Amino acid sequence: LNFPKASAPMRSNVIVAREAVRRDAGNLRHVLGGAKADRETVLSAVSRGGQLLTHAAPCLKASRDVVAEAVRQNGMALKSAALSLQGDRELVLEAVRHRGRALQFAHADLRNDREIVLEAVRQ
């Protein structure tokens, strides 16, 4: 509750950010700087709210394990994944299994994949 009101240096501090996100995953929205690139902090958040991937640093949006955890929680997290991972067949399949609408964020080639499209329309 108080984390968003903390100073910028405190919201950039990895130790403080980890604790804030541990207590409330939504605090990732308020994390600043290099703390957004801290794998432990981001994994803690996306494991409880995949949509929070949007608040991660670009390097973690390109991390397969982080994106995989996010799409397991919320298929629509595929929207925030790096373009290269939007073309990863396994990740896209996982995303559409949870949320068929995630198909719109898949690479064009995968939007033409029969298995993926069938899985999406089943949702």
Foldseek 3Di string as FASTA:
>chain_A
DCLLVDDLVLLQDLVSLQVVCLVPLVCLQRRDDPNLADPNSLQSNLLQALLSLLSHDLVLLAPVVSNQSNLLRALLSLQNHDLVVLAVLVSLQSSLLRALVSLVSHDPVNVVPPSSNVSSVVD
